Amino acid sequence: MSKLKLKVSSRLLRKRKVRKKAFAGPKTCRFCANREQERSLDYKNINLLRSFITERGKILPSRVSGNCSFHQRELSAEIKVARAMALLPFCQLHR
């Protein structure tokens, strides 16, 4: 009698990739830590506002930027005012 060959899928043979947990620690709100930066949170301060916008023109969420909820709301309001005044783009040009 011939032996039956078991088919083992290649998916099972591949090694499982283990994700490295890059724990960066708790993020602190940069506006709560530095009161001078809190005063500089204004729609005219474009360099500060650009650091909280992705390259596609979207506002970074607070879990990425590390802002507290109070300053995240203020920041998003200032970004929206700067967009309305045409100081910041609503979105980037598509290529």
PDB file of N, CA and C in Angstrom:
ATOM      1  N   MET A   1       0.827  -1.177   0.000  1.00  0.00           N
ATOM      2  CA  MET A   1       0.000   0.000   0.000  1.00  0.00           C
ATOM      3  C   MET A   1       0.879   1.251   0.000  1.00  0.00           C
ATOM      4  N   SER A   2       0.392   2.225  -0.682  1.00  0.00           N
ATOM      5  CA  SER A   2       1.151   3.465  -0.743  1.00  0.00           C
ATOM      6  C   SER A   2       0.791   4.362   0.445  1.00  0.00           C
ATOM      7  N   LYS A   3       1.785   5.074   0.886  1.00  0.00           N
ATOM      8  CA  LYS A   3       1.554   5.978   2.011  1.00  0.00           C
ATOM      9  C   LYS A   3       0.875   7.243   1.507  1.00  0.00           C
ATOM     10  N   LEU A   4      -0.043   7.724   2.281  1.00  0.00           N
ATOM     11  CA  LEU A   4      -0.713   8.974   1.934  1.00  0.00           C
ATOM     12  C   LEU A   4       0.164  10.150   2.349  1.00  0.00           C
ATOM     13  N   LYS A   5       0.302  11.071   1.440  1.00  0.00           N
ATOM     14  CA  LYS A   5       1.069  12.263   1.761  1.00  0.00           C
ATOM     15  C   LYS A   5       0.118  13.319   2.307  1.00  0.00           C
ATOM     16  N   LEU A   6       0.483  13.855   3.419  1.00  0.00           N
ATOM     17  CA  LEU A   6      -0.314  14.931   3.997  1.00  0.00           C
ATOM     18  C   LEU A   6       0.140  16.250   3.400  1.00  0.00           C
ATOM     19  N   LYS A   7      -0.812  17.021   2.972  1.00  0.00           N
ATOM     20  CA  LYS A   7      -0.484  18.328   2.430  1.00  0.00           C
ATOM     21  C   LYS A   7      -0.469  19.340   3.571  1.00  0.00           C
ATOM     22  N   VAL A   8       0.645  19.957   3.723  1.00  0.00           N
ATOM     23  CA  VAL A   8       0.790  20.990   4.745  1.00  0.00           C
ATOM     24  C   VAL A   8       0.889  22.315   4.012  1.00  0.00           C
ATOM     25  N   SER A   9       0.016  23.197   4.379  1.00  0.00           N
ATOM     26  CA  SER A   9       0.015  24.476   3.673  1.00  0.00           C
ATOM     27  C   SER A   9       1.259  25.280   4.034  1.00  0.00           C
ATOM     28  N   SER A  10       1.673  26.054   3.081  1.00  0.00           N
ATOM     29  CA  SER A  10       2.860  26.874   3.305  1.00  0.00           C
ATOM     30  C   SER A  10       2.600  27.947   4.354  1.00  0.00           C
ATOM     31  N   ARG A  11       1.333  28.261   4.533  1.00  0.00           N
ATOM     32  CA  ARG A  11       0.975  29.263   5.539  1.00  0.00           C
ATOM     33  C   ARG A  11       1.341  28.772   6.934  1.00  0.00           C
ATOM     34  N   LEU A  12       1.168  27.488   7.181  1.00  0.00           N
ATOM     35  CA  LEU A  12       1.486  26.933   8.491  1.00  0.00           C
ATOM     36  C   LEU A  12       2.985  26.770   8.700  1.00  0.00           C
ATOM     37  N   LEU A  13       3.716  26.623   7.615  1.00  0.00           N
ATOM     38  CA  LEU A  13       5.150  26.426   7.734  1.00  0.00           C
ATOM     39  C   LEU A  13       5.914  27.724   7.970  1.00  0.00           C
ATOM     40  N   ARG A  14       5.319  28.827   7.559  1.00  0.00           N
ATOM     41  CA  ARG A  14       5.998  30.103   7.740  1.00  0.00           C
ATOM     42  C   ARG A  14       6.143  30.422   9.220  1.00  0.00           C
ATOM     43  N   LYS A  15       7.239  31.033   9.532  1.00  0.00           N
ATOM     44  CA  LYS A  15       7.437  31.443  10.918  1.00  0.00           C
ATOM     45  C   LYS A  15       6.527  32.627  11.219  1.00  0.00           C
ATOM     46  N   ARG A  16       5.996  32.599  12.381  1.00  0.00           N
ATOM     47  CA  ARG A  16       5.149  33.717  12.787  1.00  0.00           C
ATOM     48  C   ARG A  16       6.030  34.914  13.108  1.00  0.00           C
ATOM     49  N   LYS A  17       5.636  36.028  12.569  1.00  0.00           N
ATOM     50  CA  LYS A  17       6.385  37.243  12.842  1.00  0.00           C
ATOM     51  C   LYS A  17       5.896  37.820  14.167  1.00  0.00           C
ATOM     52  N   VAL A  18       6.811  37.994  15.038  1.00  0.00           N
ATOM     53  CA  VAL A  18       6.476  38.534  16.349  1.00  0.00           C
ATOM     54  C   VAL A  18       6.702  40.034  16.296  1.00  0.00           C
ATOM     55  N   ARG A  19       5.668  40.754  16.660  1.00  0.00           N
ATOM     56  CA  ARG A  19       5.791  42.208  16.670  1.00  0.00           C
ATOM     57  C   ARG A  19       6.589  42.643  17.888  1.00  0.00           C
ATOM     58  N   LYS A  20       7.497  43.534  17.642  1.00  0.00           N
ATOM     59  CA  LYS A  20       8.239  44.103  18.753  1.00  0.00           C
ATOM     60  C   LYS A  20       7.407  45.233  19.335  1.00  0.00           C
ATOM     61  N   LYS A  21       7.191  45.164  20.600  1.00  0.00           N
ATOM     62  CA  LYS A  21       6.405  46.205  21.247  1.00  0.00           C
ATOM     63  C   LYS A  21       7.326  47.383  21.536  1.00  0.00           C
ATOM     64  N   ALA A  22       7.154  48.404  20.773  1.00  0.00           N
ATOM     65  CA  ALA A  22       7.949  49.603  20.958  1.00  0.00           C
ATOM     66  C   ALA A  22       7.213  50.499  21.940  1.00  0.00           C
ATOM     67  N   PHE A  23       7.456  50.288  23.200  1.00  0.00           N
ATOM     68  CA  PHE A  23       6.764  51.058  24.221  1.00  0.00           C
ATOM     69  C   PHE A  23       7.524  52.350  24.438  1.00  0.00           C
ATOM     70  N   ALA A  24       6.903  53.439  24.078  1.00  0.00           N
ATOM     71  CA  ALA A  24       7.559  54.728  24.166  1.00  0.00           C
ATOM     72  C   ALA A  24       7.262  55.436  25.476  1.00  0.00           C
ATOM     73  N   GLY A  25       6.416  54.864  26.299  1.00  0.00           N
ATOM     74  CA  GLY A  25       6.071  55.506  27.552  1.00  0.00           C
ATOM     75  C   GLY A  25       4.878  56.421  27.369  1.00  0.00           C
ATOM     76  N   PRO A  26       4.381  56.954  28.444  1.00  0.00           N
ATOM     77  CA  PRO A  26       3.212  57.826  28.336  1.00  0.00           C
ATOM     78  C   PRO A  26       3.573  59.146  27.665  1.00  0.00           C
ATOM     79  N   LYS A  27       2.730  59.566  26.755  1.00  0.00           N
ATOM     80  CA  LYS A  27       2.958  60.830  26.075  1.00  0.00           C
ATOM     81  C   LYS A  27       2.370  61.949  26.918  1.00  0.00           C
ATOM     82  N   THR A  28       3.075  63.026  26.990  1.00  0.00           N
ATOM     83  CA  THR A  28       2.579  64.166  27.755  1.00  0.00           C
ATOM     84  C   THR A  28       2.215  65.276  26.789  1.00  0.00           C
ATOM     85  N   CYS A  29       1.236  66.032  27.178  1.00  0.00           N
ATOM     86  CA  CYS A  29       0.797  67.157  26.363  1.00  0.00           C
ATOM     87  C   CYS A  29       1.869  68.237  26.398  1.00  0.00           C
ATOM     88  N   ARG A  30       2.336  68.643  25.233  1.00  0.00           N
ATOM     89  CA  ARG A  30       3.411  69.636  25.209  1.00  0.00           C
ATOM     90  C   ARG A  30       2.911  71.009  25.623  1.00  0.00           C
ATOM     91  N   PHE A  31       1.618  71.251  25.524  1.00  0.00           N
ATOM     92  CA  PHE A  31       1.073  72.542  25.925  1.00  0.00           C
ATOM     93  C   PHE A  31       0.872  72.612  27.438  1.00  0.00           C
ATOM     94  N   CYS A  32       0.532  71.493  28.062  1.00  0.00           N
ATOM     95  CA  CYS A  32       0.407  71.471  29.525  1.00  0.00           C
ATOM     96  C   CYS A  32       1.782  71.559  30.181  1.00  0.00           C
ATOM     97  N   ALA A  33       2.782  70.960  29.562  1.00  0.00           N
ATOM     98  CA  ALA A  33       4.124  70.952  30.133  1.00  0.00           C
ATOM     99  C   ALA A  33       4.811  72.304  29.987  1.00  0.00           C
ATOM    100  N   ASN A  34       4.522  73.016  28.920  1.00  0.00           N
ATOM    101  CA  ASN A  34       5.191  74.286  28.650  1.00  0.00           C
ATOM    102  C   ASN A  34       4.129  75.354  28.432  1.00  0.00           C
ATOM    103  N   ARG A  35       3.953  76.218  29.398  1.00  0.00           N
ATOM    104  CA  ARG A  35       2.905  77.245  29.319  1.00  0.00           C
ATOM    105  C   ARG A  35       3.208  78.304  28.255  1.00  0.00           C
ATOM    106  N   GLU A  36       4.486  78.497  27.916  1.00  0.00           N
ATOM    107  CA  GLU A  36       4.813  79.466  26.864  1.00  0.00           C
ATOM    108  C   GLU A  36       4.309  78.985  25.511  1.00  0.00           C
ATOM    109  N   GLN A  37       4.380  77.678  25.283  1.00  0.00           N
ATOM    110  CA  GLN A  37       3.858  77.148  24.024  1.00  0.00           C
ATOM    111  C   GLN A  37       2.348  77.230  23.986  1.00  0.00           C
ATOM    112  N   GLU A  38       1.725  77.158  25.159  1.00  0.00           N
ATOM    113  CA  GLU A  38       0.267  77.262  25.200  1.00  0.00           C
ATOM    114  C   GLU A  38      -0.174  78.652  24.752  1.00  0.00           C
ATOM    115  N   ARG A  39       0.599  79.660  25.130  1.00  0.00           N
ATOM    116  CA  ARG A  39       0.267  81.023  24.708  1.00  0.00           C
ATOM    117  C   ARG A  39       0.518  81.222  23.213  1.00  0.00           C
ATOM    118  N   SER A  40       1.439  80.438  22.657  1.00  0.00           N
ATOM    119  CA  SER A  40       1.749  80.581  21.233  1.00  0.00           C
ATOM    120  C   SER A  40       0.785  79.800  20.348  1.00  0.00           C
ATOM    121  N   LEU A  41      -0.179  79.093  20.948  1.00  0.00           N
ATOM    122  CA  LEU A  41      -1.175  78.350  20.174  1.00  0.00           C
ATOM    123  C   LEU A  41      -2.152  79.350  19.563  1.00  0.00           C
ATOM    124  N   ASP A  42      -1.886  79.690  18.301  1.00  0.00           N
ATOM    125  CA  ASP A  42      -2.678  80.697  17.610  1.00  0.00           C
ATOM    126  C   ASP A  42      -2.739  80.312  16.134  1.00  0.00           C
ATOM    127  N   TYR A  43      -3.769  80.754  15.450  1.00  0.00           N
ATOM    128  CA  TYR A  43      -3.917  80.393  14.038  1.00  0.00           C
ATOM    129  C   TYR A  43      -2.840  81.030  13.175  1.00  0.00           C
ATOM    130  N   LYS A  44      -2.170  82.056  13.679  1.00  0.00           N
ATOM    131  CA  LYS A  44      -1.120  82.722  12.911  1.00  0.00           C
ATOM    132  C   LYS A  44       0.236  82.021  13.037  1.00  0.00           C
ATOM    133  N   ASN A  45       0.378  81.149  14.018  1.00  0.00           N
ATOM    134  CA  ASN A  45       1.630  80.417  14.221  1.00  0.00           C
ATOM    135  C   ASN A  45       1.611  79.150  13.357  1.00  0.00           C
ATOM    136  N   ILE A  46       1.942  79.322  12.094  1.00  0.00           N
ATOM    137  CA  ILE A  46       1.815  78.247  11.115  1.00  0.00           C
ATOM    138  C   ILE A  46       2.827  77.131  11.364  1.00  0.00           C
ATOM    139  N   ASN A  47       4.038  77.478  11.785  1.00  0.00           N
ATOM    140  CA  ASN A  47       5.064  76.451  12.010  1.00  0.00           C
ATOM    141  C   ASN A  47       4.656  75.490  13.115  1.00  0.00           C
ATOM    142  N   LEU A  48       4.022  75.991  14.155  1.00  0.00           N
ATOM    143  CA  LEU A  48       3.551  75.123  15.231  1.00  0.00           C
ATOM    144  C   LEU A  48       2.392  74.260  14.756  1.00  0.00           C
ATOM    145  N   LEU A  49       1.470  74.840  14.002  1.00  0.00           N
ATOM    146  CA  LEU A  49       0.300  74.095  13.551  1.00  0.00           C
ATOM    147  C   LEU A  49       0.672  73.008  12.548  1.00  0.00           C
ATOM    148  N   ARG A  50       1.695  73.252  11.735  1.00  0.00           N
ATOM    149  CA  ARG A  50       2.108  72.253  10.744  1.00  0.00           C
ATOM    150  C   ARG A  50       2.679  70.995  11.384  1.00  0.00           C
ATOM    151  N   SER A  51       3.171  71.116  12.607  1.00  0.00           N
ATOM    152  CA  SER A  51       3.711  69.927  13.272  1.00  0.00           C
ATOM    153  C   SER A  51       2.607  68.985  13.738  1.00  0.00           C
ATOM    154  N   PHE A  52       1.353  69.433  13.699  1.00  0.00           N
ATOM    155  CA  PHE A  52       0.223  68.601  14.102  1.00  0.00           C
ATOM    156  C   PHE A  52      -0.648  68.207  12.916  1.00  0.00           C
ATOM    157  N   ILE A  53      -0.101  68.320  11.709  1.00  0.00           N
ATOM    158  CA  ILE A  53      -0.834  67.971  10.493  1.00  0.00           C
ATOM    159  C   ILE A  53      -0.018  66.937   9.727  1.00  0.00           C
ATOM    160  N   THR A  54      -0.699  65.944   9.158  1.00  0.00           N
ATOM    161  CA  THR A  54      -0.009  64.947   8.346  1.00  0.00           C
ATOM    162  C   THR A  54       0.371  65.557   7.002  1.00  0.00           C
ATOM    163  N   GLU A  55       1.138  64.807   6.222  1.00  0.00           N
ATOM    164  CA  GLU A  55       1.516  65.316   4.901  1.00  0.00           C
ATOM    165  C   GLU A  55       0.333  65.370   3.952  1.00  0.00           C
ATOM    166  N   ARG A  56      -0.750  64.670   4.285  1.00  0.00           N
ATOM    167  CA  ARG A  56      -1.974  64.722   3.483  1.00  0.00           C
ATOM    168  C   ARG A  56      -2.877  65.871   3.900  1.00  0.00           C
ATOM    169  N   GLY A  57      -2.536  66.564   4.984  1.00  0.00           N
ATOM    170  CA  GLY A  57      -3.322  67.709   5.421  1.00  0.00           C
ATOM    171  C   GLY A  57      -4.314  67.400   6.522  1.00  0.00           C
ATOM    172  N   LYS A  58      -4.276  66.187   7.073  1.00  0.00           N
ATOM    173  CA  LYS A  58      -5.213  65.813   8.130  1.00  0.00           C
ATOM    174  C   LYS A  58      -4.635  66.164   9.497  1.00  0.00           C
ATOM    175  N   ILE A  59      -5.511  66.428  10.451  1.00  0.00           N
ATOM    176  CA  ILE A  59      -5.091  66.741  11.809  1.00  0.00           C
ATOM    177  C   ILE A  59      -4.715  65.437  12.511  1.00  0.00           C
ATOM    178  N   LEU A  60      -3.555  65.431  13.152  1.00  0.00           N
ATOM    179  CA  LEU A  60      -3.122  64.244  13.877  1.00  0.00           C
ATOM    180  C   LEU A  60      -4.030  63.998  15.075  1.00  0.00           C
ATOM    181  N   PRO A  61      -4.398  62.745  15.344  1.00  0.00           N
ATOM    182  CA  PRO A  61      -5.213  62.467  16.528  1.00  0.00           C
ATOM    183  C   PRO A  61      -4.394  62.632  17.804  1.00  0.00           C
ATOM    184  N   SER A  62      -5.096  62.802  18.915  1.00  0.00           N
ATOM    185  CA  SER A  62      -4.404  63.056  20.178  1.00  0.00           C
ATOM    186  C   SER A  62      -3.595  61.850  20.642  1.00  0.00           C
ATOM    187  N   ARG A  63      -3.985  60.645  20.246  1.00  0.00           N
ATOM    188  CA  ARG A  63      -3.211  59.466  20.653  1.00  0.00           C
ATOM    189  C   ARG A  63      -1.859  59.429  19.961  1.00  0.00           C
ATOM    190  N   VAL A  64      -1.740  60.091  18.813  1.00  0.00           N
ATOM    191  CA  VAL A  64      -0.462  60.162  18.104  1.00  0.00           C
ATOM    192  C   VAL A  64       0.335  61.379  18.561  1.00  0.00           C
ATOM    193  N   SER A  65      -0.334  62.531  18.643  1.00  0.00           N
ATOM    194  CA  SER A  65       0.362  63.762  18.999  1.00  0.00           C
ATOM    195  C   SER A  65       0.664  63.849  20.484  1.00  0.00           C
ATOM    196  N   GLY A  66      -0.129  63.171  21.321  1.00  0.00           N
ATOM    197  CA  GLY A  66       0.115  63.192  22.758  1.00  0.00           C
ATOM    198  C   GLY A  66      -0.542  64.344  23.476  1.00  0.00           C
ATOM    199  N   ASN A  67      -1.403  65.086  22.795  1.00  0.00           N
ATOM    200  CA  ASN A  67      -2.070  66.214  23.438  1.00  0.00           C
ATOM    201  C   ASN A  67      -3.198  65.738  24.337  1.00  0.00           C
ATOM    202  N   CYS A  68      -3.492  66.538  25.375  1.00  0.00           N
ATOM    203  CA  CYS A  68      -4.661  66.242  26.195  1.00  0.00           C
ATOM    204  C   CYS A  68      -5.905  66.661  25.410  1.00  0.00           C
ATOM    205  N   SER A  69      -7.067  66.244  25.873  1.00  0.00           N
ATOM    206  CA  SER A  69      -8.295  66.494  25.116  1.00  0.00           C
ATOM    207  C   SER A  69      -8.610  67.986  25.025  1.00  0.00           C
ATOM    208  N   PHE A  70      -8.313  68.735  26.074  1.00  0.00           N
ATOM    209  CA  PHE A  70      -8.583  70.177  26.064  1.00  0.00           C
ATOM    210  C   PHE A  70      -7.754  70.878  24.996  1.00  0.00           C
ATOM    211  N   HIS A  71      -6.453  70.608  24.990  1.00  0.00           N
ATOM    212  CA  HIS A  71      -5.583  71.272  24.021  1.00  0.00           C
ATOM    213  C   HIS A  71      -5.767  70.712  22.613  1.00  0.00           C
ATOM    214  N   GLN A  72      -6.193  69.472  22.488  1.00  0.00           N
ATOM    215  CA  GLN A  72      -6.474  68.915  21.163  1.00  0.00           C
ATOM    216  C   GLN A  72      -7.655  69.638  20.528  1.00  0.00           C
ATOM    217  N   ARG A  73      -8.678  69.937  21.327  1.00  0.00           N
ATOM    218  CA  ARG A  73      -9.829  70.683  20.799  1.00  0.00           C
ATOM    219  C   ARG A  73      -9.428  72.096  20.408  1.00  0.00           C
ATOM    220  N   GLU A  74      -8.610  72.753  21.244  1.00  0.00           N
ATOM    221  CA  GLU A  74      -8.138  74.099  20.901  1.00  0.00           C
ATOM    222  C   GLU A  74      -7.281  74.069  19.636  1.00  0.00           C
ATOM    223  N   LEU A  75      -6.420  73.082  19.546  1.00  0.00           N
ATOM    224  CA  LEU A  75      -5.531  72.954  18.394  1.00  0.00           C
ATOM    225  C   LEU A  75      -6.316  72.740  17.110  1.00  0.00           C
ATOM    226  N   SER A  76      -7.315  71.865  17.152  1.00  0.00           N
ATOM    227  CA  SER A  76      -8.098  71.608  15.942  1.00  0.00           C
ATOM    228  C   SER A  76      -8.909  72.834  15.546  1.00  0.00           C
ATOM    229  N   ALA A  77      -9.386  73.600  16.523  1.00  0.00           N
ATOM    230  CA  ALA A  77     -10.113  74.834  16.203  1.00  0.00           C
ATOM    231  C   ALA A  77      -9.190  75.849  15.539  1.00  0.00           C
ATOM    232  N   GLU A  78      -7.958  75.975  16.034  1.00  0.00           N
ATOM    233  CA  GLU A  78      -7.006  76.924  15.444  1.00  0.00           C
ATOM    234  C   GLU A  78      -6.581  76.483  14.041  1.00  0.00           C
ATOM    235  N   ILE A  79      -6.440  75.186  13.825  1.00  0.00           N
ATOM    236  CA  ILE A  79      -6.091  74.685  12.492  1.00  0.00           C
ATOM    237  C   ILE A  79      -7.221  74.979  11.515  1.00  0.00           C
ATOM    238  N   LYS A  80      -8.458  74.807  11.967  1.00  0.00           N
ATOM    239  CA  LYS A  80      -9.599  75.073  11.091  1.00  0.00           C
ATOM    240  C   LYS A  80      -9.715  76.551  10.756  1.00  0.00           C
ATOM    241  N   VAL A  81      -9.392  77.432  11.706  1.00  0.00           N
ATOM    242  CA  VAL A  81      -9.395  78.872  11.427  1.00  0.00           C
ATOM    243  C   VAL A  81      -8.296  79.204  10.424  1.00  0.00           C
ATOM    244  N   ALA A  82      -7.109  78.614  10.610  1.00  0.00           N
ATOM    245  CA  ALA A  82      -5.999  78.867   9.684  1.00  0.00           C
ATOM    246  C   ALA A  82      -6.316  78.358   8.283  1.00  0.00           C
ATOM    247  N   ARG A  83      -7.060  77.264   8.186  1.00  0.00           N
ATOM    248  CA  ARG A  83      -7.481  76.776   6.870  1.00  0.00           C
ATOM    249  C   ARG A  83      -8.467  77.733   6.227  1.00  0.00           C
ATOM    250  N   ALA A  84      -9.384  78.260   7.014  1.00  0.00           N
ATOM    251  CA  ALA A  84     -10.373  79.191   6.471  1.00  0.00           C
ATOM    252  C   ALA A  84      -9.723  80.492   6.023  1.00  0.00           C
ATOM    253  N   MET A  85      -8.640  80.888   6.691  1.00  0.00           N
ATOM    254  CA  MET A  85      -7.925  82.107   6.313  1.00  0.00           C
ATOM    255  C   MET A  85      -6.907  81.845   5.200  1.00  0.00           C
ATOM    256  N   ALA A  86      -6.855  80.617   4.705  1.00  0.00           N
ATOM    257  CA  ALA A  86      -5.950  80.186   3.629  1.00  0.00           C
ATOM    258  C   ALA A  86      -4.483  80.250   4.046  1.00  0.00           C
ATOM    259  N   LEU A  87      -4.212  80.082   5.335  1.00  0.00           N
ATOM    260  CA  LEU A  87      -2.833  79.994   5.799  1.00  0.00           C
ATOM    261  C   LEU A  87      -2.329  78.554   5.754  1.00  0.00           C
ATOM    262  N   LEU A  88      -3.261  77.609   5.884  1.00  0.00           N
ATOM    263  CA  LEU A  88      -2.951  76.185   5.778  1.00  0.00           C
ATOM    264  C   LEU A  88      -3.830  75.575   4.699  1.00  0.00           C
ATOM    265  N   PRO A  89      -3.326  74.576   3.981  1.00  0.00           N
ATOM    266  CA  PRO A  89      -4.163  73.930   2.962  1.00  0.00           C
ATOM    267  C   PRO A  89      -5.149  72.949   3.594  1.00  0.00           C
ATOM    268  N   PHE A  90      -6.291  72.773   2.940  1.00  0.00           N
ATOM    269  CA  PHE A  90      -7.248  71.767   3.390  1.00  0.00           C
ATOM    270  C   PHE A  90      -6.729  70.372   3.079  1.00  0.00           C
ATOM    271  N   CYS A  91      -6.093  70.211   1.925  1.00  0.00           N
ATOM    272  CA  CYS A  91      -5.489  68.932   1.557  1.00  0.00           C
ATOM    273  C   CYS A  91      -4.317  69.222   0.625  1.00  0.00           C
ATOM    274  N   GLN A  92      -3.466  68.230   0.464  1.00  0.00           N
ATOM    275  CA  GLN A  92      -2.324  68.368  -0.424  1.00  0.00           C
ATOM    276  C   GLN A  92      -2.743  68.029  -1.846  1.00  0.00           C
ATOM    277  N   LEU A  93      -1.999  68.514  -2.807  1.00  0.00           N
ATOM    278  CA  LEU A  93      -2.285  68.215  -4.203  1.00  0.00           C
ATOM    279  C   LEU A  93      -1.965  66.761  -4.498  1.00  0.00           C
ATOM    280  N   HIS A  94      -2.793  66.129  -5.306  1.00  0.00           N
ATOM    281  CA  HIS A  94      -2.557  64.744  -5.703  1.00  0.00           C
ATOM    282  C   HIS A  94      -1.591  64.718  -6.872  1.00  0.00           C
ATOM    283  N   ARG A  95      -0.737  63.733  -6.890  1.00  0.00           N
ATOM    284  CA  ARG A  95       0.224  63.613  -7.990  1.00  0.00           C
ATOM    285  C   ARG A  95      -0.131  62.457  -8.852  1.00  0.00           C
TER     286      ARG A  95
END
